[in-house]
Amino acid sequence: MAWVYLAAAAVFEVIFALSMKYADGFTKPLPTAITIIGVIGGIGFLTMAMRDLPVSVAYPIWTAVGTLGTVLLGYMFLQEPLSFGKVVSAMAIVGGVAGLKVTGT
């Protein structure tokens, strides 16, 4: 169940990151509310996942999936550039997290 919680936490992390952009410095009420829900959901589910997963695995996976989701959805919905360097850097994050998982659990 910990992995399900971690997946939910990562989804909320992406929601949090993207909704901050739409909140425009917390001047727009609906995106601001979604940002707050994203923060609470992300940290809440991450905390539940850490009951069974080590912090050295759960937290990096949460941040990596959040980073990858934000990069991809930022490209798709916010027309942010997706350069070669950005893709390589995102893949380096995935490689690092995979290494932590393989060696940590």
N, C-alpha and C. Protein backbone atom coordinates (compact mmCIF):
# COMPACT_ATOMS: atom_id res chain seq x y z
N MET A 1 0.82 -1.19 0.00
CA MET A 1 0.00 0.00 0.00
C MET A 1 0.87 1.26 0.00
N ALA A 2 2.08 1.15 0.53
CA ALA A 2 2.97 2.31 0.60
C ALA A 2 3.26 2.87 -0.79
N TRP A 3 3.39 2.00 -1.78
CA TRP A 3 3.68 2.47 -3.14
C TRP A 3 2.48 3.19 -3.74
N VAL A 4 1.29 2.77 -3.39
CA VAL A 4 0.08 3.47 -3.84
C VAL A 4 0.04 4.87 -3.23
N TYR A 5 0.33 4.95 -1.94
CA TYR A 5 0.39 6.25 -1.28
C TYR A 5 1.45 7.14 -1.93
N LEU A 6 2.59 6.56 -2.25
CA LEU A 6 3.66 7.33 -2.86
C LEU A 6 3.26 7.83 -4.25
N ALA A 7 2.57 6.99 -5.01
CA ALA A 7 2.08 7.41 -6.33
C ALA A 7 1.08 8.56 -6.19
N ALA A 8 0.18 8.46 -5.23
CA ALA A 8 -0.79 9.53 -5.00
C ALA A 8 -0.07 10.81 -4.58
N ALA A 9 0.93 10.67 -3.74
CA ALA A 9 1.71 11.84 -3.30
C ALA A 9 2.36 12.53 -4.50
N ALA A 10 2.88 11.74 -5.42
CA ALA A 10 3.53 12.30 -6.61
C ALA A 10 2.53 13.04 -7.49
N VAL A 11 1.33 12.50 -7.63
CA VAL A 11 0.30 13.18 -8.42
C VAL A 11 -0.03 14.53 -7.78
N PHE A 12 -0.20 14.53 -6.48
CA PHE A 12 -0.49 15.80 -5.79
C PHE A 12 0.69 16.77 -5.90
N GLU A 13 1.90 16.25 -5.93
CA GLU A 13 3.08 17.10 -6.09
C GLU A 13 3.04 17.83 -7.44
N VAL A 14 2.67 17.13 -8.48
CA VAL A 14 2.56 17.74 -9.81
C VAL A 14 1.43 18.77 -9.82
N ILE A 15 0.31 18.42 -9.21
CA ILE A 15 -0.82 19.36 -9.13
C ILE A 15 -0.38 20.63 -8.40
N PHE A 16 0.33 20.45 -7.31
CA PHE A 16 0.84 21.58 -6.53
C PHE A 16 1.74 22.48 -7.39
N ALA A 17 2.69 21.87 -8.07
CA ALA A 17 3.66 22.65 -8.84
C ALA A 17 2.98 23.42 -9.98
N LEU A 18 2.11 22.75 -10.72
CA LEU A 18 1.47 23.42 -11.84
C LEU A 18 0.47 24.48 -11.39
N SER A 19 -0.27 24.19 -10.34
CA SER A 19 -1.28 25.16 -9.89
C SER A 19 -0.64 26.42 -9.33
N MET A 20 0.60 26.32 -8.83
CA MET A 20 1.30 27.53 -8.37
C MET A 20 1.48 28.51 -9.52
N LYS A 21 1.78 27.99 -10.70
CA LYS A 21 1.95 28.86 -11.87
C LYS A 21 0.65 29.60 -12.17
N TYR A 22 -0.46 28.87 -12.12
CA TYR A 22 -1.76 29.47 -12.41
C TYR A 22 -2.25 30.39 -11.28
N ALA A 23 -1.74 30.18 -10.06
CA ALA A 23 -2.17 31.00 -8.92
C ALA A 23 -1.65 32.44 -9.02
N ASP A 24 -0.65 32.64 -9.85
CA ASP A 24 -0.13 33.99 -10.12
C ASP A 24 0.20 34.73 -8.82
N GLY A 25 1.09 34.13 -8.05
CA GLY A 25 1.49 34.77 -6.78
C GLY A 25 0.38 34.77 -5.75
N PHE A 26 -0.46 33.77 -5.78
CA PHE A 26 -1.60 33.62 -4.86
C PHE A 26 -2.60 34.76 -4.99
N THR A 27 -2.73 35.29 -6.20
CA THR A 27 -3.72 36.35 -6.44
C THR A 27 -5.01 35.82 -7.03
N LYS A 28 -5.01 34.56 -7.45
CA LYS A 28 -6.21 33.95 -8.04
C LYS A 28 -6.73 32.88 -7.09
N PRO A 29 -7.95 33.05 -6.58
CA PRO A 29 -8.45 32.17 -5.51
C PRO A 29 -8.53 30.68 -5.86
N LEU A 30 -9.08 30.32 -7.01
CA LEU A 30 -9.23 28.90 -7.32
C LEU A 30 -7.89 28.19 -7.49
N PRO A 31 -6.98 28.72 -8.31
CA PRO A 31 -5.67 28.06 -8.38
C PRO A 31 -4.92 28.05 -7.05
N THR A 32 -5.12 29.08 -6.23
CA THR A 32 -4.51 29.10 -4.90
C THR A 32 -5.05 27.98 -4.05
N ALA A 33 -6.36 27.77 -4.09
CA ALA A 33 -6.98 26.67 -3.33
C ALA A 33 -6.48 25.32 -3.82
N ILE A 34 -6.34 25.17 -5.13
CA ILE A 34 -5.83 23.92 -5.69
C ILE A 34 -4.38 23.70 -5.26
N THR A 35 -3.60 24.77 -5.20
CA THR A 35 -2.22 24.67 -4.73
C THR A 35 -2.17 24.16 -3.29
N ILE A 36 -3.01 24.72 -2.44
CA ILE A 36 -3.05 24.31 -1.03
C ILE A 36 -3.47 22.84 -0.91
N ILE A 37 -4.46 22.43 -1.68
CA ILE A 37 -4.89 21.03 -1.68
C ILE A 37 -3.75 20.14 -2.16
N GLY A 38 -3.03 20.59 -3.19
CA GLY A 38 -1.91 19.81 -3.70
C GLY A 38 -0.82 19.63 -2.66
N VAL A 39 -0.51 20.69 -1.93
CA VAL A 39 0.52 20.60 -0.87
C VAL A 39 0.08 19.63 0.22
N ILE A 40 -1.15 19.79 0.68
CA ILE A 40 -1.65 18.92 1.76
C ILE A 40 -1.71 17.46 1.30
N GLY A 41 -2.23 17.26 0.09
CA GLY A 41 -2.31 15.89 -0.43
C GLY A 41 -0.94 15.27 -0.63
N GLY A 42 -0.03 16.04 -1.21
CA GLY A 42 1.30 15.50 -1.48
C GLY A 42 2.04 15.12 -0.22
N ILE A 43 2.06 16.02 0.74
CA ILE A 43 2.78 15.74 1.98
C ILE A 43 2.03 14.70 2.81
N GLY A 44 0.72 14.75 2.77
CA GLY A 44 -0.07 13.76 3.53
C GLY A 44 0.17 12.34 3.04
N PHE A 45 0.07 12.15 1.73
CA PHE A 45 0.30 10.80 1.18
C PHE A 45 1.76 10.38 1.31
N LEU A 46 2.68 11.32 1.17
CA LEU A 46 4.10 10.99 1.36
C LEU A 46 4.35 10.52 2.79
N THR A 47 3.74 11.19 3.74
CA THR A 47 3.89 10.80 5.14
C THR A 47 3.36 9.39 5.37
N MET A 48 2.22 9.08 4.76
CA MET A 48 1.66 7.73 4.92
C MET A 48 2.56 6.69 4.25
N ALA A 49 3.14 7.02 3.11
CA ALA A 49 4.04 6.09 2.43
C ALA A 49 5.28 5.81 3.27
N MET A 50 5.74 6.84 3.99
CA MET A 50 6.96 6.68 4.80
C MET A 50 6.75 5.84 6.05
N ARG A 51 5.53 5.43 6.31
CA ARG A 51 5.35 4.47 7.41
C ARG A 51 6.04 3.16 7.09
N ASP A 52 6.09 2.81 5.79
CA ASP A 52 6.66 1.53 5.38
C ASP A 52 7.90 1.65 4.51
N LEU A 53 8.11 2.82 3.91
CA LEU A 53 9.27 3.00 3.03
C LEU A 53 10.31 3.88 3.72
N PRO A 54 11.57 3.61 3.50
CA PRO A 54 12.60 4.47 4.08
C PRO A 54 12.55 5.86 3.44
N VAL A 55 12.87 6.86 4.22
CA VAL A 55 12.86 8.24 3.73
C VAL A 55 13.86 8.39 2.58
N SER A 56 14.95 7.65 2.62
CA SER A 56 15.98 7.75 1.59
C SER A 56 15.53 7.21 0.24
N VAL A 57 14.41 6.53 0.21
CA VAL A 57 13.83 6.04 -1.03
C VAL A 57 12.56 6.83 -1.37
N ALA A 58 11.67 6.99 -0.39
CA ALA A 58 10.37 7.61 -0.65
C ALA A 58 10.49 9.07 -1.08
N TYR A 59 11.28 9.84 -0.36
CA TYR A 59 11.37 11.27 -0.68
C TYR A 59 11.99 11.52 -2.06
N PRO A 60 13.12 10.88 -2.39
CA PRO A 60 13.67 11.10 -3.73
C PRO A 60 12.72 10.66 -4.85
N ILE A 61 12.01 9.57 -4.65
CA ILE A 61 11.06 9.13 -5.68
C ILE A 61 9.95 10.17 -5.82
N TRP A 62 9.44 10.66 -4.71
CA TRP A 62 8.38 11.67 -4.73
C TRP A 62 8.84 12.91 -5.49
N THR A 63 10.03 13.38 -5.18
CA THR A 63 10.51 14.59 -5.85
C THR A 63 10.83 14.32 -7.33
N ALA A 64 11.36 13.14 -7.63
CA ALA A 64 11.70 12.83 -9.02
C ALA A 64 10.46 12.71 -9.89
N VAL A 65 9.46 12.00 -9.41
CA VAL A 65 8.22 11.86 -10.18
C VAL A 65 7.55 13.23 -10.31
N GLY A 66 7.58 14.00 -9.25
CA GLY A 66 7.04 15.36 -9.31
C GLY A 66 7.78 16.21 -10.31
N THR A 67 9.09 16.09 -10.34
CA THR A 67 9.91 16.84 -11.30
C THR A 67 9.60 16.43 -12.73
N LEU A 68 9.59 15.13 -12.97
CA LEU A 68 9.32 14.65 -14.33
C LEU A 68 7.93 15.03 -14.80
N GLY A 69 6.94 14.87 -13.93
CA GLY A 69 5.58 15.24 -14.28
C GLY A 69 5.45 16.72 -14.56
N THR A 70 6.13 17.52 -13.76
CA THR A 70 6.08 18.97 -13.95
C THR A 70 6.76 19.39 -15.24
N VAL A 71 7.89 18.79 -15.55
CA VAL A 71 8.59 19.11 -16.80
C VAL A 71 7.71 18.74 -17.99
N LEU A 72 7.16 17.54 -17.97
CA LEU A 72 6.33 17.07 -19.09
C LEU A 72 5.06 17.90 -19.24
N LEU A 73 4.35 18.10 -18.15
CA LEU A 73 3.09 18.85 -18.23
C LEU A 73 3.33 20.34 -18.45
N GLY A 74 4.44 20.86 -17.97
CA GLY A 74 4.80 22.24 -18.27
C GLY A 74 5.01 22.43 -19.76
N TYR A 75 5.61 21.45 -20.38
CA TYR A 75 5.79 21.47 -21.84
C TYR A 75 4.45 21.38 -22.56
N MET A 76 3.62 20.46 -22.10
CA MET A 76 2.35 20.21 -22.78
C MET A 76 1.33 21.32 -22.59
N PHE A 77 1.20 21.85 -21.37
CA PHE A 77 0.12 22.78 -21.08
C PHE A 77 0.54 24.23 -20.93
N LEU A 78 1.81 24.46 -20.63
CA LEU A 78 2.27 25.83 -20.42
C LEU A 78 3.22 26.30 -21.53
N GLN A 79 3.38 25.46 -22.54
CA GLN A 79 4.25 25.77 -23.68
C GLN A 79 5.68 26.12 -23.25
N GLU A 80 6.14 25.48 -22.17
CA GLU A 80 7.52 25.68 -21.73
C GLU A 80 8.44 24.88 -22.65
N PRO A 81 9.62 25.41 -22.93
CA PRO A 81 10.53 24.70 -23.85
C PRO A 81 11.01 23.37 -23.25
N LEU A 82 11.18 22.40 -24.12
CA LEU A 82 11.70 21.09 -23.72
C LEU A 82 13.00 20.87 -24.50
N SER A 83 14.07 21.39 -23.96
CA SER A 83 15.37 21.32 -24.63
C SER A 83 16.03 19.97 -24.39
N PHE A 84 17.05 19.70 -25.17
CA PHE A 84 17.83 18.49 -24.99
C PHE A 84 18.42 18.43 -23.59
N GLY A 85 18.94 19.54 -23.13
CA GLY A 85 19.53 19.60 -21.78
C GLY A 85 18.52 19.31 -20.70
N LYS A 86 17.30 19.79 -20.87
CA LYS A 86 16.25 19.55 -19.88
C LYS A 86 15.88 18.06 -19.85
N VAL A 87 15.80 17.45 -21.02
CA VAL A 87 15.47 16.01 -21.10
C VAL A 87 16.59 15.18 -20.48
N VAL A 88 17.83 15.50 -20.79
CA VAL A 88 18.97 14.76 -20.23
C VAL A 88 19.00 14.92 -18.71
N SER A 89 18.77 16.11 -18.24
CA SER A 89 18.77 16.35 -16.79
C SER A 89 17.65 15.58 -16.10
N ALA A 90 16.47 15.56 -16.69
CA ALA A 90 15.36 14.81 -16.12
C ALA A 90 15.68 13.31 -16.09
N MET A 91 16.33 12.82 -17.14
CA MET A 91 16.70 11.40 -17.16
C MET A 91 17.78 11.10 -16.11
N ALA A 92 18.64 12.05 -15.83
CA ALA A 92 19.64 11.86 -14.78
C ALA A 92 18.96 11.72 -13.42
N ILE A 93 17.89 12.48 -13.22
CA ILE A 93 17.13 12.35 -11.98
C ILE A 93 16.55 10.95 -11.87
N VAL A 94 15.96 10.47 -12.96
CA VAL A 94 15.39 9.11 -12.97
C VAL A 94 16.47 8.08 -12.67
N GLY A 95 17.63 8.24 -13.28
CA GLY A 95 18.73 7.30 -13.03
C GLY A 95 19.17 7.31 -11.57
N GLY A 96 19.25 8.49 -10.99
CA GLY A 96 19.64 8.59 -9.59
C GLY A 96 18.64 7.94 -8.66
N VAL A 97 17.37 8.16 -8.93
CA VAL A 97 16.32 7.57 -8.10
C VAL A 97 16.30 6.05 -8.27
N ALA A 98 16.48 5.59 -9.49
CA ALA A 98 16.55 4.14 -9.73
C ALA A 98 17.71 3.53 -8.95
N GLY A 99 18.84 4.22 -8.94
CA GLY A 99 19.98 3.74 -8.16
C GLY A 99 19.69 3.67 -6.68
N LEU A 100 18.99 4.67 -6.15
CA LEU A 100 18.62 4.64 -4.74
C LEU A 100 17.69 3.47 -4.43
N LYS A 101 16.74 3.23 -5.33
CA LYS A 101 15.80 2.14 -5.12
C LYS A 101 16.51 0.78 -5.16
N VAL A 102 17.38 0.61 -6.13
CA VAL A 102 18.08 -0.67 -6.28
C VAL A 102 19.00 -0.94 -5.09
N THR A 103 19.66 0.07 -4.61
CA THR A 103 20.61 -0.13 -3.52
C THR A 103 20.05 0.08 -2.14
N GLY A 104 18.84 0.68 -2.06
CA GLY A 104 18.33 1.09 -0.75
C GLY A 104 17.31 0.18 -0.12
N THR A 105 16.58 -0.61 -0.87
CA THR A 105 15.49 -1.38 -0.26
C THR A 105 15.78 -2.85 -0.30
